[in-house]
Amino acid sequence: MLFHMEEPMSQRIESYRSLQAELEAVDLDDASAFSRVFASAHLLLEMTNRDMATALGVSHPSIGRWVNGTAAPHPVMRRAIARWIRAQVSTKLGLLERRAAPLSGSGLLGFPAAAKG
């Protein structure tokens, strides 16, 4: 799954939905499966290794090893990381879906337009 800022919003939304599905299906006891999903999330969330490390409370070299699949966190930590990623994805997906929703019949900020008369 590749993600680029130039992608149309519908493709970005689909990328987030695809990652959600991957997160639900991944066997977190399988280190290589976790690393694949983690790498996808890292790319899609557009966070640097340092930013992600700070958010997760680990070293930034650990993030690089997880993304590259040369190491993986303990299975208990994988579950916590997966929950954190799900929350991040859910938040970003919600924002994208709201931005993509048509505002027809709405005024500024999506509130109902005032009746003219």
PDB file of N, CA and C in Angstrom:
ATOM      1  N   MET A   1       0.848  -1.162   0.000  1.00  0.00           N
ATOM      2  CA  MET A   1       0.000   0.000   0.000  1.00  0.00           C
ATOM      3  C   MET A   1       0.897   1.230   0.000  1.00  0.00           C
ATOM      4  N   LEU A   2       0.835   2.012  -1.043  1.00  0.00           N
ATOM      5  CA  LEU A   2       1.597   3.240  -1.096  1.00  0.00           C
ATOM      6  C   LEU A   2       0.654   4.408  -0.975  1.00  0.00           C
ATOM      7  N   PHE A   3       1.132   5.476  -0.380  1.00  0.00           N
ATOM      8  CA  PHE A   3       0.302   6.637  -0.127  1.00  0.00           C
ATOM      9  C   PHE A   3       1.087   7.873  -0.509  1.00  0.00           C
ATOM     10  N   HIS A   4       0.464   8.744  -1.242  1.00  0.00           N
ATOM     11  CA  HIS A   4       1.089   9.999  -1.622  1.00  0.00           C
ATOM     12  C   HIS A   4       0.077  11.112  -1.426  1.00  0.00           C
ATOM     13  N   MET A   5       0.554  12.264  -0.992  1.00  0.00           N
ATOM     14  CA  MET A   5      -0.333  13.402  -0.743  1.00  0.00           C
ATOM     15  C   MET A   5      -1.111  13.797  -1.993  1.00  0.00           C
ATOM     16  N   GLU A   6      -0.581  13.502  -3.190  1.00  0.00           N
ATOM     17  CA  GLU A   6      -1.255  13.892  -4.415  1.00  0.00           C
ATOM     18  C   GLU A   6      -2.426  12.971  -4.759  1.00  0.00           C
ATOM     19  N   GLU A   7      -2.563  11.883  -4.027  1.00  0.00           N
ATOM     20  CA  GLU A   7      -3.660  10.955  -4.305  1.00  0.00           C
ATOM     21  C   GLU A   7      -4.998  11.652  -4.109  1.00  0.00           C
ATOM     22  N   PRO A   8      -5.961  11.324  -4.945  1.00  0.00           N
ATOM     23  CA  PRO A   8      -7.305  11.856  -4.712  1.00  0.00           C
ATOM     24  C   PRO A   8      -7.810  11.394  -3.343  1.00  0.00           C
ATOM     25  N   MET A   9      -8.661  12.193  -2.761  1.00  0.00           N
ATOM     26  CA  MET A   9      -9.162  11.893  -1.420  1.00  0.00           C
ATOM     27  C   MET A   9      -9.802  10.514  -1.357  1.00  0.00           C
ATOM     28  N   SER A  10     -10.524  10.122  -2.402  1.00  0.00           N
ATOM     29  CA  SER A  10     -11.173   8.808  -2.383  1.00  0.00           C
ATOM     30  C   SER A  10     -10.143   7.688  -2.271  1.00  0.00           C
ATOM     31  N   GLN A  11      -8.983   7.846  -2.894  1.00  0.00           N
ATOM     32  CA  GLN A  11      -7.935   6.835  -2.789  1.00  0.00           C
ATOM     33  C   GLN A  11      -7.309   6.828  -1.401  1.00  0.00           C
ATOM     34  N   ARG A  12      -7.146   8.008  -0.804  1.00  0.00           N
ATOM     35  CA  ARG A  12      -6.598   8.067   0.557  1.00  0.00           C
ATOM     36  C   ARG A  12      -7.561   7.407   1.527  1.00  0.00           C
ATOM     37  N   ILE A  13      -8.861   7.659   1.362  1.00  0.00           N
ATOM     38  CA  ILE A  13      -9.862   7.032   2.231  1.00  0.00           C
ATOM     39  C   ILE A  13      -9.793   5.523   2.074  1.00  0.00           C
ATOM     40  N   GLU A  14      -9.693   5.053   0.839  1.00  0.00           N
ATOM     41  CA  GLU A  14      -9.600   3.611   0.592  1.00  0.00           C
ATOM     42  C   GLU A  14      -8.332   3.027   1.211  1.00  0.00           C
ATOM     43  N   SER A  15      -7.235   3.769   1.174  1.00  0.00           N
ATOM     44  CA  SER A  15      -5.990   3.302   1.791  1.00  0.00           C
ATOM     45  C   SER A  15      -6.157   3.120   3.294  1.00  0.00           C
ATOM     46  N   TYR A  16      -6.819   4.063   3.947  1.00  0.00           N
ATOM     47  CA  TYR A  16      -7.066   3.946   5.390  1.00  0.00           C
ATOM     48  C   TYR A  16      -8.004   2.777   5.695  1.00  0.00           C
ATOM     49  N   ARG A  17      -9.029   2.606   4.869  1.00  0.00           N
ATOM     50  CA  ARG A  17      -9.948   1.476   5.080  1.00  0.00           C
ATOM     51  C   ARG A  17      -9.230   0.144   4.901  1.00  0.00           C
ATOM     52  N   SER A  18      -8.351   0.087   3.908  1.00  0.00           N
ATOM     53  CA  SER A  18      -7.581  -1.126   3.664  1.00  0.00           C
ATOM     54  C   SER A  18      -6.680  -1.438   4.860  1.00  0.00           C
ATOM     55  N   LEU A  19      -6.056  -0.412   5.417  1.00  0.00           N
ATOM     56  CA  LEU A  19      -5.209  -0.622   6.597  1.00  0.00           C
ATOM     57  C   LEU A  19      -6.045  -1.081   7.784  1.00  0.00           C
ATOM     58  N   GLN A  20      -7.241  -0.517   7.941  1.00  0.00           N
ATOM     59  CA  GLN A  20      -8.130  -0.976   9.012  1.00  0.00           C
ATOM     60  C   GLN A  20      -8.400  -2.468   8.875  1.00  0.00           C
ATOM     61  N   ALA A  21      -8.694  -2.905   7.669  1.00  0.00           N
ATOM     62  CA  ALA A  21      -8.974  -4.322   7.428  1.00  0.00           C
ATOM     63  C   ALA A  21      -7.737  -5.175   7.716  1.00  0.00           C
ATOM     64  N   GLU A  22      -6.567  -4.692   7.300  1.00  0.00           N
ATOM     65  CA  GLU A  22      -5.325  -5.419   7.585  1.00  0.00           C
ATOM     66  C   GLU A  22      -5.118  -5.562   9.093  1.00  0.00           C
ATOM     67  N   LEU A  23      -5.374  -4.488   9.823  1.00  0.00           N
ATOM     68  CA  LEU A  23      -5.195  -4.511  11.280  1.00  0.00           C
ATOM     69  C   LEU A  23      -6.135  -5.503  11.949  1.00  0.00           C
ATOM     70  N   GLU A  24      -7.342  -5.623  11.426  1.00  0.00           N
ATOM     71  CA  GLU A  24      -8.299  -6.564  12.002  1.00  0.00           C
ATOM     72  C   GLU A  24      -7.915  -8.009  11.694  1.00  0.00           C
ATOM     73  N   ALA A  25      -7.276  -8.236  10.559  1.00  0.00           N
ATOM     74  CA  ALA A  25      -6.982  -9.595  10.116  1.00  0.00           C
ATOM     75  C   ALA A  25      -5.603 -10.098  10.543  1.00  0.00           C
ATOM     76  N   VAL A  26      -4.695  -9.202  10.895  1.00  0.00           N
ATOM     77  CA  VAL A  26      -3.317  -9.611  11.155  1.00  0.00           C
ATOM     78  C   VAL A  26      -3.215 -10.485  12.408  1.00  0.00           C
ATOM     79  N   ASP A  27      -2.371 -11.497  12.317  1.00  0.00           N
ATOM     80  CA  ASP A  27      -2.054 -12.347  13.469  1.00  0.00           C
ATOM     81  C   ASP A  27      -0.914 -11.664  14.213  1.00  0.00           C
ATOM     82  N   LEU A  28      -1.219 -11.044  15.334  1.00  0.00           N
ATOM     83  CA  LEU A  28      -0.215 -10.279  16.064  1.00  0.00           C
ATOM     84  C   LEU A  28       0.842 -11.164  16.719  1.00  0.00           C
ATOM     85  N   ASP A  29       0.621 -12.477  16.726  1.00  0.00           N
ATOM     86  CA  ASP A  29       1.646 -13.390  17.221  1.00  0.00           C
ATOM     87  C   ASP A  29       2.693 -13.679  16.143  1.00  0.00           C
ATOM     88  N   ASP A  30       2.401 -13.309  14.914  1.00  0.00           N
ATOM     89  CA  ASP A  30       3.317 -13.504  13.787  1.00  0.00           C
ATOM     90  C   ASP A  30       4.118 -12.215  13.590  1.00  0.00           C
ATOM     91  N   ALA A  31       5.392 -12.249  13.969  1.00  0.00           N
ATOM     92  CA  ALA A  31       6.233 -11.050  13.931  1.00  0.00           C
ATOM     93  C   ALA A  31       6.345 -10.469  12.528  1.00  0.00           C
ATOM     94  N   SER A  32       6.496 -11.310  11.505  1.00  0.00           N
ATOM     95  CA  SER A  32       6.645 -10.781  10.150  1.00  0.00           C
ATOM     96  C   SER A  32       5.342 -10.161   9.643  1.00  0.00           C
ATOM     97  N   ALA A  33       4.212 -10.744  10.011  1.00  0.00           N
ATOM     98  CA  ALA A  33       2.918 -10.160   9.623  1.00  0.00           C
ATOM     99  C   ALA A  33       2.734  -8.798  10.298  1.00  0.00           C
ATOM    100  N   PHE A  34       3.107  -8.726  11.582  1.00  0.00           N
ATOM    101  CA  PHE A  34       3.027  -7.445  12.290  1.00  0.00           C
ATOM    102  C   PHE A  34       3.901  -6.408  11.593  1.00  0.00           C
ATOM    103  N   SER A  35       5.125  -6.779  11.240  1.00  0.00           N
ATOM    104  CA  SER A  35       6.050  -5.835  10.612  1.00  0.00           C
ATOM    105  C   SER A  35       5.491  -5.296   9.296  1.00  0.00           C
ATOM    106  N   ARG A  36       4.847  -6.162   8.502  1.00  0.00           N
ATOM    107  CA  ARG A  36       4.256  -5.703   7.232  1.00  0.00           C
ATOM    108  C   ARG A  36       3.164  -4.667   7.484  1.00  0.00           C
ATOM    109  N   VAL A  37       2.282  -4.953   8.442  1.00  0.00           N
ATOM    110  CA  VAL A  37       1.192  -4.010   8.736  1.00  0.00           C
ATOM    111  C   VAL A  37       1.748  -2.742   9.374  1.00  0.00           C
ATOM    112  N   PHE A  38       2.734  -2.906  10.246  1.00  0.00           N
ATOM    113  CA  PHE A  38       3.344  -1.738  10.887  1.00  0.00           C
ATOM    114  C   PHE A  38       3.990  -0.832   9.838  1.00  0.00           C
ATOM    115  N   ALA A  39       4.682  -1.419   8.875  1.00  0.00           N
ATOM    116  CA  ALA A  39       5.313  -0.632   7.810  1.00  0.00           C
ATOM    117  C   ALA A  39       4.259   0.122   6.999  1.00  0.00           C
ATOM    118  N   SER A  40       3.142  -0.527   6.707  1.00  0.00           N
ATOM    119  CA  SER A  40       2.053   0.145   5.977  1.00  0.00           C
ATOM    120  C   SER A  40       1.506   1.311   6.781  1.00  0.00           C
ATOM    121  N   ALA A  41       1.310   1.085   8.072  1.00  0.00           N
ATOM    122  CA  ALA A  41       0.783   2.145   8.942  1.00  0.00           C
ATOM    123  C   ALA A  41       1.778   3.300   9.036  1.00  0.00           C
ATOM    124  N   HIS A  42       3.043   2.981   9.174  1.00  0.00           N
ATOM    125  CA  HIS A  42       4.081   4.006   9.266  1.00  0.00           C
ATOM    126  C   HIS A  42       4.051   4.904   8.040  1.00  0.00           C
ATOM    127  N   LEU A  43       3.934   4.309   6.880  1.00  0.00           N
ATOM    128  CA  LEU A  43       3.885   5.059   5.631  1.00  0.00           C
ATOM    129  C   LEU A  43       2.598   5.879   5.527  1.00  0.00           C
ATOM    130  N   LEU A  44       1.493   5.254   5.807  1.00  0.00           N
ATOM    131  CA  LEU A  44       0.196   5.918   5.651  1.00  0.00           C
ATOM    132  C   LEU A  44       0.003   7.052   6.648  1.00  0.00           C
ATOM    133  N   LEU A  45       0.463   6.862   7.875  1.00  0.00           N
ATOM    134  CA  LEU A  45       0.301   7.898   8.904  1.00  0.00           C
ATOM    135  C   LEU A  45       1.275   9.058   8.708  1.00  0.00           C
ATOM    136  N   GLU A  46       2.249   8.870   7.810  1.00  0.00           N
ATOM    137  CA  GLU A  46       3.202   9.932   7.470  1.00  0.00           C
ATOM    138  C   GLU A  46       3.929  10.481   8.692  1.00  0.00           C
ATOM    139  N   MET A  47       4.367   9.567   9.549  1.00  0.00           N
ATOM    140  CA  MET A  47       5.114   9.971  10.742  1.00  0.00           C
ATOM    141  C   MET A  47       6.580   9.580  10.556  1.00  0.00           C
ATOM    142  N   THR A  48       7.471  10.408  11.053  1.00  0.00           N
ATOM    143  CA  THR A  48       8.880  10.054  11.035  1.00  0.00           C
ATOM    144  C   THR A  48       9.109   8.952  12.071  1.00  0.00           C
ATOM    145  N   ASN A  49      10.244   8.275  11.955  1.00  0.00           N
ATOM    146  CA  ASN A  49      10.587   7.272  12.961  1.00  0.00           C
ATOM    147  C   ASN A  49      10.629   7.900  14.346  1.00  0.00           C
ATOM    148  N   ARG A  50      11.188   9.091  14.438  1.00  0.00           N
ATOM    149  CA  ARG A  50      11.306   9.766  15.737  1.00  0.00           C
ATOM    150  C   ARG A  50       9.919  10.114  16.296  1.00  0.00           C
ATOM    151  N   ASP A  51       9.027  10.632  15.453  1.00  0.00           N
ATOM    152  CA  ASP A  51       7.679  10.982  15.911  1.00  0.00           C
ATOM    153  C   ASP A  51       6.923   9.743  16.388  1.00  0.00           C
ATOM    154  N   MET A  52       7.025   8.672  15.609  1.00  0.00           N
ATOM    155  CA  MET A  52       6.326   7.446  15.982  1.00  0.00           C
ATOM    156  C   MET A  52       6.936   6.864  17.259  1.00  0.00           C
ATOM    157  N   ALA A  53       8.249   6.925  17.382  1.00  0.00           N
ATOM    158  CA  ALA A  53       8.920   6.414  18.580  1.00  0.00           C
ATOM    159  C   ALA A  53       8.474   7.187  19.817  1.00  0.00           C
ATOM    160  N   THR A  54       8.377   8.498  19.682  1.00  0.00           N
ATOM    161  CA  THR A  54       7.922   9.323  20.801  1.00  0.00           C
ATOM    162  C   THR A  54       6.494   8.950  21.190  1.00  0.00           C
ATOM    163  N   ALA A  55       5.630   8.799  20.207  1.00  0.00           N
ATOM    164  CA  ALA A  55       4.228   8.459  20.476  1.00  0.00           C
ATOM    165  C   ALA A  55       4.099   7.100  21.156  1.00  0.00           C
ATOM    166  N   LEU A  56       4.974   6.162  20.785  1.00  0.00           N
ATOM    167  CA  LEU A  56       4.884   4.799  21.320  1.00  0.00           C
ATOM    168  C   LEU A  56       5.795   4.554  22.522  1.00  0.00           C
ATOM    169  N   GLY A  57       6.647   5.523  22.836  1.00  0.00           N
ATOM    170  CA  GLY A  57       7.530   5.379  23.981  1.00  0.00           C
ATOM    171  C   GLY A  57       8.666   4.386  23.768  1.00  0.00           C
ATOM    172  N   VAL A  58       9.183   4.345  22.546  1.00  0.00           N
ATOM    173  CA  VAL A  58      10.302   3.449  22.221  1.00  0.00           C
ATOM    174  C   VAL A  58      11.395   4.271  21.538  1.00  0.00           C
ATOM    175  N   SER A  59      12.536   3.637  21.255  1.00  0.00           N
ATOM    176  CA  SER A  59      13.611   4.345  20.565  1.00  0.00           C
ATOM    177  C   SER A  59      13.306   4.434  19.068  1.00  0.00           C
ATOM    178  N   HIS A  60      13.824   5.477  18.434  1.00  0.00           N
ATOM    179  CA  HIS A  60      13.552   5.592  16.997  1.00  0.00           C
ATOM    180  C   HIS A  60      14.263   4.505  16.188  1.00  0.00           C
ATOM    181  N   PRO A  61      15.416   3.976  16.623  1.00  0.00           N
ATOM    182  CA  PRO A  61      15.968   2.838  15.874  1.00  0.00           C
ATOM    183  C   PRO A  61      15.048   1.610  15.923  1.00  0.00           C
ATOM    184  N   SER A  62      14.309   1.449  17.017  1.00  0.00           N
ATOM    185  CA  SER A  62      13.363   0.326  17.097  1.00  0.00           C
ATOM    186  C   SER A  62      12.322   0.424  15.991  1.00  0.00           C
ATOM    187  N   ILE A  63      11.828   1.629  15.767  1.00  0.00           N
ATOM    188  CA  ILE A  63      10.824   1.829  14.715  1.00  0.00           C
ATOM    189  C   ILE A  63      11.400   1.387  13.373  1.00  0.00           C
ATOM    190  N   GLY A  64      12.623   1.785  13.079  1.00  0.00           N
ATOM    191  CA  GLY A  64      13.259   1.389  11.826  1.00  0.00           C
ATOM    192  C   GLY A  64      13.385  -0.121  11.692  1.00  0.00           C
ATOM    193  N   ARG A  65      13.754  -0.791  12.774  1.00  0.00           N
ATOM    194  CA  ARG A  65      13.874  -2.248  12.730  1.00  0.00           C
ATOM    195  C   ARG A  65      12.521  -2.909  12.527  1.00  0.00           C
ATOM    196  N   TRP A  66      11.471  -2.364  13.144  1.00  0.00           N
ATOM    197  CA  TRP A  66      10.128  -2.932  12.981  1.00  0.00           C
ATOM    198  C   TRP A  66       9.642  -2.745  11.552  1.00  0.00           C
ATOM    199  N   VAL A  67       9.875  -1.562  10.990  1.00  0.00           N
ATOM    200  CA  VAL A  67       9.457  -1.275   9.615  1.00  0.00           C
ATOM    201  C   VAL A  67      10.192  -2.189   8.639  1.00  0.00           C
ATOM    202  N   ASN A  68      11.489  -2.399   8.875  1.00  0.00           N
ATOM    203  CA  ASN A  68      12.299  -3.237   7.991  1.00  0.00           C
ATOM    204  C   ASN A  68      12.095  -4.724   8.225  1.00  0.00           C
ATOM    205  N   GLY A  69      11.430  -5.075   9.308  1.00  0.00           N
ATOM    206  CA  GLY A  69      11.177  -6.476   9.603  1.00  0.00           C
ATOM    207  C   GLY A  69      12.358  -7.209  10.206  1.00  0.00           C
ATOM    208  N   THR A  70      13.391  -6.475  10.633  1.00  0.00           N
ATOM    209  CA  THR A  70      14.548  -7.133  11.239  1.00  0.00           C
ATOM    210  C   THR A  70      14.327  -7.417  12.717  1.00  0.00           C
ATOM    211  N   ALA A  71      13.295  -6.823  13.295  1.00  0.00           N
ATOM    212  CA  ALA A  71      12.931  -7.066  14.694  1.00  0.00           C
ATOM    213  C   ALA A  71      11.450  -6.738  14.840  1.00  0.00           C
ATOM    214  N   ALA A  72      10.887  -7.196  15.929  1.00  0.00           N
ATOM    215  CA  ALA A  72       9.482  -6.896  16.225  1.00  0.00           C
ATOM    216  C   ALA A  72       9.337  -6.795  17.741  1.00  0.00           C
ATOM    217  N   PRO A  73       8.421  -5.985  18.198  1.00  0.00           N
ATOM    218  CA  PRO A  73       8.208  -5.897  19.644  1.00  0.00           C
ATOM    219  C   PRO A  73       7.595  -7.193  20.178  1.00  0.00           C
ATOM    220  N   HIS A  74       7.609  -7.322  21.480  1.00  0.00           N
ATOM    221  CA  HIS A  74       6.989  -8.462  22.160  1.00  0.00           C
ATOM    222  C   HIS A  74       5.508  -8.519  21.760  1.00  0.00           C
ATOM    223  N   PRO A  75       4.917  -9.717  21.659  1.00  0.00           N
ATOM    224  CA  PRO A  75       3.510  -9.830  21.256  1.00  0.00           C
ATOM    225  C   PRO A  75       2.543  -8.977  22.088  1.00  0.00           C
ATOM    226  N   VAL A  76       2.799  -8.832  23.371  1.00  0.00           N
ATOM    227  CA  VAL A  76       1.918  -7.989  24.197  1.00  0.00           C
ATOM    228  C   VAL A  76       2.004  -6.542  23.735  1.00  0.00           C
ATOM    229  N   MET A  77       3.216  -6.092  23.443  1.00  0.00           N
ATOM    230  CA  MET A  77       3.392  -4.723  22.966  1.00  0.00           C
ATOM    231  C   MET A  77       2.798  -4.562  21.567  1.00  0.00           C
ATOM    232  N   ARG A  78       2.864  -5.605  20.743  1.00  0.00           N
ATOM    233  CA  ARG A  78       2.255  -5.535  19.402  1.00  0.00           C
ATOM    234  C   ARG A  78       0.768  -5.234  19.507  1.00  0.00           C
ATOM    235  N   ARG A  79       0.111  -5.839  20.464  1.00  0.00           N
ATOM    236  CA  ARG A  79      -1.326  -5.599  20.641  1.00  0.00           C
ATOM    237  C   ARG A  79      -1.599  -4.138  21.020  1.00  0.00           C
ATOM    238  N   ALA A  80      -0.787  -3.603  21.915  1.00  0.00           N
ATOM    239  CA  ALA A  80      -0.947  -2.202  22.315  1.00  0.00           C
ATOM    240  C   ALA A  80      -0.662  -1.273  21.140  1.00  0.00           C
ATOM    241  N   ILE A  81       0.370  -1.594  20.367  1.00  0.00           N
ATOM    242  CA  ILE A  81       0.704  -0.781  19.192  1.00  0.00           C
ATOM    243  C   ILE A  81      -0.420  -0.855  18.161  1.00  0.00           C
ATOM    244  N   ALA A  82      -0.967  -2.037  17.958  1.00  0.00           N
ATOM    245  CA  ALA A  82      -2.077  -2.191  17.007  1.00  0.00           C
ATOM    246  C   ALA A  82      -3.278  -1.358  17.443  1.00  0.00           C
ATOM    247  N   ARG A  83      -3.564  -1.329  18.750  1.00  0.00           N
ATOM    248  CA  ARG A  83      -4.677  -0.488  19.252  1.00  0.00           C
ATOM    249  C   ARG A  83      -4.400   0.987  18.969  1.00  0.00           C
ATOM    250  N   TRP A  84      -3.152   1.412  19.195  1.00  0.00           N
ATOM    251  CA  TRP A  84      -2.785   2.803  18.947  1.00  0.00           C
ATOM    252  C   TRP A  84      -2.924   3.137  17.461  1.00  0.00           C
ATOM    253  N   ILE A  85      -2.441   2.238  16.606  1.00  0.00           N
ATOM    254  CA  ILE A  85      -2.552   2.465  15.159  1.00  0.00           C
ATOM    255  C   ILE A  85      -4.016   2.528  14.747  1.00  0.00           C
ATOM    256  N   ARG A  86      -4.842   1.613  15.275  1.00  0.00           N
ATOM    257  CA  ARG A  86      -6.286   1.639  14.952  1.00  0.00           C
ATOM    258  C   ARG A  86      -6.895   2.988  15.307  1.00  0.00           C
ATOM    259  N   ALA A  87      -6.533   3.522  16.471  1.00  0.00           N
ATOM    260  CA  ALA A  87      -7.075   4.818  16.900  1.00  0.00           C
ATOM    261  C   ALA A  87      -6.617   5.927  15.960  1.00  0.00           C
ATOM    262  N   GLN A  88      -5.339   5.907  15.574  1.00  0.00           N
ATOM    263  CA  GLN A  88      -4.819   6.924  14.654  1.00  0.00           C
ATOM    264  C   GLN A  88      -5.524   6.844  13.298  1.00  0.00           C
ATOM    265  N   VAL A  89      -5.667   5.630  12.796  1.00  0.00           N
ATOM    266  CA  VAL A  89      -6.303   5.420  11.497  1.00  0.00           C
ATOM    267  C   VAL A  89      -7.769   5.841  11.550  1.00  0.00           C
ATOM    268  N   SER A  90      -8.445   5.471  12.615  1.00  0.00           N
ATOM    269  CA  SER A  90      -9.861   5.829  12.762  1.00  0.00           C
ATOM    270  C   SER A  90     -10.045   7.348  12.782  1.00  0.00           C
ATOM    271  N   THR A  91      -9.179   8.034  13.505  1.00  0.00           N
ATOM    272  CA  THR A  91      -9.263   9.496  13.573  1.00  0.00           C
ATOM    273  C   THR A  91      -9.015  10.122  12.213  1.00  0.00           C
ATOM    274  N   LYS A  92      -7.952   9.709  11.548  1.00  0.00           N
ATOM    275  CA  LYS A  92      -7.628  10.287  10.234  1.00  0.00           C
ATOM    276  C   LYS A  92      -8.695   9.943   9.201  1.00  0.00           C
ATOM    277  N   LEU A  93      -9.209   8.722   9.249  1.00  0.00           N
ATOM    278  CA  LEU A  93     -10.250   8.317   8.307  1.00  0.00           C
ATOM    279  C   LEU A  93     -11.509   9.150   8.530  1.00  0.00           C
ATOM    280  N   GLY A  94     -11.876   9.349   9.779  1.00  0.00           N
ATOM    281  CA  GLY A  94     -13.049  10.175  10.076  1.00  0.00           C
ATOM    282  C   GLY A  94     -12.901  11.591   9.551  1.00  0.00           C
ATOM    283  N   LEU A  95     -11.727  12.175   9.732  1.00  0.00           N
ATOM    284  CA  LEU A  95     -11.486  13.531   9.226  1.00  0.00           C
ATOM    285  C   LEU A  95     -11.580  13.578   7.704  1.00  0.00           C
ATOM    286  N   LEU A  96     -10.984  12.586   7.041  1.00  0.00           N
ATOM    287  CA  LEU A  96     -11.045  12.549   5.577  1.00  0.00           C
ATOM    288  C   LEU A  96     -12.477  12.360   5.080  1.00  0.00           C
ATOM    289  N   GLU A  97     -13.213  11.478   5.730  1.00  0.00           N
ATOM    290  CA  GLU A  97     -14.595  11.223   5.300  1.00  0.00           C
ATOM    291  C   GLU A  97     -15.465  12.456   5.500  1.00  0.00           C
ATOM    292  N   ARG A  98     -15.244  13.171   6.587  1.00  0.00           N
ATOM    293  CA  ARG A  98     -16.026  14.405   6.798  1.00  0.00           C
ATOM    294  C   ARG A  98     -15.662  15.452   5.756  1.00  0.00           C
ATOM    295  N   ARG A  99     -14.364  15.523   5.424  1.00  0.00           N
ATOM    296  CA  ARG A  99     -13.935  16.500   4.429  1.00  0.00           C
ATOM    297  C   ARG A  99     -14.466  16.138   3.046  1.00  0.00           C
ATOM    298  N   ALA A 100     -14.609  14.857   2.785  1.00  0.00           N
ATOM    299  CA  ALA A 100     -15.072  14.401   1.475  1.00  0.00           C
ATOM    300  C   ALA A 100     -16.591  14.451   1.343  1.00  0.00           C
ATOM    301  N   ALA A 101     -17.299  14.509   2.470  1.00  0.00           N
ATOM    302  CA  ALA A 101     -18.767  14.496   2.435  1.00  0.00           C
ATOM    303  C   ALA A 101     -19.274  15.756   1.726  1.00  0.00           C
ATOM    304  N   PRO A 102     -20.240  15.585   0.855  1.00  0.00           N
ATOM    305  CA  PRO A 102     -20.788  16.758   0.159  1.00  0.00           C
ATOM    306  C   PRO A 102     -21.517  17.671   1.132  1.00  0.00           C
ATOM    307  N   LEU A 103     -21.368  18.955   0.913  1.00  0.00           N
ATOM    308  CA  LEU A 103     -22.013  19.942   1.776  1.00  0.00           C
ATOM    309  C   LEU A 103     -23.197  20.587   1.065  1.00  0.00           C
ATOM    310  N   SER A 104     -23.804  19.872   0.130  1.00  0.00           N
ATOM    311  CA  SER A 104     -24.906  20.454  -0.625  1.00  0.00           C
ATOM    312  C   SER A 104     -26.026  20.868   0.317  1.00  0.00           C
ATOM    313  N   GLY A 105     -26.562  22.028   0.053  1.00  0.00           N
ATOM    314  CA  GLY A 105     -27.639  22.557   0.880  1.00  0.00           C
ATOM    315  C   GLY A 105     -27.149  23.123   2.186  1.00  0.00           C
ATOM    316  N   SER A 106     -25.857  23.202   2.337  1.00  0.00           N
ATOM    317  CA  SER A 106     -25.277  23.690   3.581  1.00  0.00           C
ATOM    318  C   SER A 106     -24.635  25.035   3.360  1.00  0.00           C
ATOM    319  N   GLY A 107     -24.571  25.778   4.426  1.00  0.00           N
ATOM    320  CA  GLY A 107     -23.867  27.046   4.411  1.00  0.00           C
ATOM    321  C   GLY A 107     -22.442  26.835   4.885  1.00  0.00           C
ATOM    322  N   LEU A 108     -21.830  27.890   5.309  1.00  0.00           N
ATOM    323  CA  LEU A 108     -20.466  27.850   5.810  1.00  0.00           C
ATOM    324  C   LEU A 108     -20.351  26.833   6.940  1.00  0.00           C
ATOM    325  N   LEU A 109     -19.320  26.040   6.929  1.00  0.00           N
ATOM    326  CA  LEU A 109     -19.030  25.025   7.947  1.00  0.00           C
ATOM    327  C   LEU A 109     -20.041  23.883   7.977  1.00  0.00           C
ATOM    328  N   GLY A 110     -20.872  23.753   6.945  1.00  0.00           N
ATOM    329  CA  GLY A 110     -21.780  22.624   6.875  1.00  0.00           C
ATOM    330  C   GLY A 110     -23.095  22.823   7.597  1.00  0.00           C
ATOM    331  N   PHE A 111     -23.314  24.021   8.172  1.00  0.00           N
ATOM    332  CA  PHE A 111     -24.597  24.275   8.831  1.00  0.00           C
ATOM    333  C   PHE A 111     -25.650  24.563   7.768  1.00  0.00           C
ATOM    334  N   PRO A 112     -26.913  24.290   8.064  1.00  0.00           N
ATOM    335  CA  PRO A 112     -27.954  24.537   7.068  1.00  0.00           C
ATOM    336  C   PRO A 112     -27.930  26.000   6.602  1.00  0.00           C
ATOM    337  N   ALA A 113     -28.096  26.174   5.299  1.00  0.00           N
ATOM    338  CA  ALA A 113     -28.118  27.512   4.739  1.00  0.00           C
ATOM    339  C   ALA A 113     -29.390  28.225   5.177  1.00  0.00           C
ATOM    340  N   ALA A 114     -29.272  29.503   5.435  1.00  0.00           N
ATOM    341  CA  ALA A 114     -30.436  30.312   5.857  1.00  0.00           C
ATOM    342  C   ALA A 114     -31.394  30.447   4.686  1.00  0.00           C
ATOM    343  N   ALA A 115     -32.667  30.438   4.993  1.00  0.00           N
ATOM    344  CA  ALA A 115     -33.706  30.600   3.955  1.00  0.00           C
ATOM    345  C   ALA A 115     -33.621  32.007   3.402  1.00  0.00           C
ATOM    346  N   LYS A 116     -33.743  32.090   2.084  1.00  0.00           N
ATOM    347  CA  LYS A 116     -33.716  33.390   1.433  1.00  0.00           C
ATOM    348  C   LYS A 116     -35.137  33.897   1.309  1.00  0.00           C
ATOM    349  N   GLY A 117     -35.289  35.145   1.534  1.00  0.00           N
ATOM    350  CA  GLY A 117     -36.650  35.610   1.349  1.00  0.00           C
ATOM    351  C   GLY A 117     -36.885  36.938   1.760  1.00  0.00           C
TER     352      GLY A 117
END
